[in-house]
């Protein structure tokens, strides 16, 4: 079931990521946009890596984050890849 929020582009869908906030009509979690932005990528540049989004959706996600930082930071922490699984030479996940 899709649950609307007070934000135009952000919804929760019980069938997608267990209800984590996502961009409406996609499976893209707000946290993915926030993590990219926190790495120093400008909102306009985020679209290069996520071409299925609009600039409005990116800013909508960042607005949601600004009002719900604790919640989104918890999702980011829960989904963090442990350092020992990241190959320091090419920043990809190591396969064992």
Protein backbone atom coordinates (compact mmCIF):
# COMPACT_ATOMS: atom_id res chain seq x y z
CA UNK A 1 0.00 0.00 0.00
CA UNK A 2 1.30 3.45 -0.96
CA UNK A 3 1.24 6.09 1.77
CA UNK A 4 1.47 9.73 0.79
CA UNK A 5 3.50 12.24 2.76
CA UNK A 6 3.25 16.00 3.01
CA UNK A 7 5.88 16.15 0.25
CA UNK A 8 4.88 16.10 -3.42
CA UNK A 9 7.55 13.68 -4.59
CA UNK A 10 8.07 11.48 -1.52
CA UNK A 11 5.90 8.48 -0.63
CA UNK A 12 6.15 5.28 1.36
CA UNK A 13 5.18 1.97 -0.22
CA UNK A 14 4.91 -1.09 2.00
CA UNK A 15 5.98 -3.21 -1.00
CA UNK A 16 9.18 -1.23 -1.66
CA UNK A 17 12.05 -1.18 0.83
CA UNK A 18 9.68 -2.01 3.70
CA UNK A 19 8.07 1.44 3.60
CA UNK A 20 11.26 3.52 3.51
CA UNK A 21 10.65 6.96 1.94
CA UNK A 22 11.10 6.79 -1.85
CA UNK A 23 10.53 9.04 -4.83
CA UNK A 24 6.95 8.65 -6.10
CA UNK A 25 6.74 6.35 -9.12
CA UNK A 26 10.23 4.92 -8.60
CA UNK A 27 12.08 2.55 -6.31
CA UNK A 28 14.67 5.25 -5.53
CA UNK A 29 15.02 5.83 -1.80
CA UNK A 30 15.45 9.36 -0.50
CA UNK A 31 18.62 8.15 1.22
CA UNK A 32 20.28 7.40 -2.15
CA UNK A 33 19.84 11.01 -3.23
CA UNK A 34 20.96 12.31 0.15
CA UNK A 35 24.08 10.13 0.20
CA UNK A 36 25.07 11.33 -3.27
CA UNK A 37 24.49 14.96 -2.28
CA UNK A 38 26.50 14.51 0.93
CA UNK A 39 29.44 13.30 -1.19
CA UNK A 40 29.51 16.76 -2.72
CA UNK A 41 27.52 16.12 -5.89
CA UNK A 42 25.34 19.10 -6.84
CA UNK A 43 21.61 18.38 -7.26
CA UNK A 44 21.85 19.09 -11.00
CA UNK A 45 24.69 16.57 -11.28
CA UNK A 46 22.79 13.87 -9.37
CA UNK A 47 20.59 13.58 -12.45
CA UNK A 48 23.53 12.21 -14.44
CA UNK A 49 23.67 9.17 -12.19
CA UNK A 50 19.90 8.95 -11.77
CA UNK A 51 18.53 10.05 -15.16
CA UNK A 52 15.07 8.65 -14.38
CA UNK A 53 14.56 11.49 -11.87
CA UNK A 54 13.69 15.13 -12.42
CA UNK A 55 15.42 18.03 -10.74
CA UNK A 56 12.19 18.66 -8.83
CA UNK A 57 12.29 15.13 -7.43
CA UNK A 58 15.90 15.57 -6.33
CA UNK A 59 15.12 18.82 -4.56
CA UNK A 60 11.98 17.22 -3.11
CA UNK A 61 14.11 14.46 -1.59
CA UNK A 62 16.55 16.99 -0.16
CA UNK A 63 13.66 19.01 1.28
CA UNK A 64 12.27 15.86 2.88
CA UNK A 65 15.73 15.13 4.29
CA UNK A 66 16.06 18.63 5.70
CA UNK A 67 12.86 18.07 7.69
CA UNK A 68 13.56 14.41 8.62
CA UNK A 69 17.33 14.16 9.05
CA UNK A 70 17.29 11.72 11.96
CA UNK A 71 15.01 9.31 10.12
CA UNK A 72 16.97 9.33 6.86
CA UNK A 73 20.31 9.14 8.67
CA UNK A 74 19.05 5.97 10.38
CA UNK A 75 18.23 4.44 6.98
CA UNK A 76 21.67 5.43 5.70
CA UNK A 77 23.37 3.82 8.69
CA UNK A 78 21.28 0.63 8.42
CA UNK A 79 22.22 0.22 4.78
CA UNK A 80 25.89 1.11 5.07
CA UNK A 81 28.31 -1.36 3.50
CA UNK A 82 30.98 -2.38 6.03
CA UNK A 83 34.41 -0.95 5.20
CA UNK A 84 35.95 -4.42 5.05
CA UNK A 85 33.69 -5.27 2.09
CA UNK A 86 34.77 -2.24 0.05
CA UNK A 87 37.78 -2.58 -2.22
CA UNK A 88 39.86 0.57 -1.53
CA UNK A 89 41.31 0.49 -5.08
CA UNK A 90 38.08 0.91 -6.99
CA UNK A 91 35.34 1.61 -4.42
CA UNK A 92 33.31 -1.46 -5.33
CA UNK A 93 32.02 -4.16 -3.05
CA UNK A 94 34.40 -7.07 -2.71
CA UNK A 95 33.01 -10.50 -3.60
CA UNK A 96 33.99 -13.43 -1.41
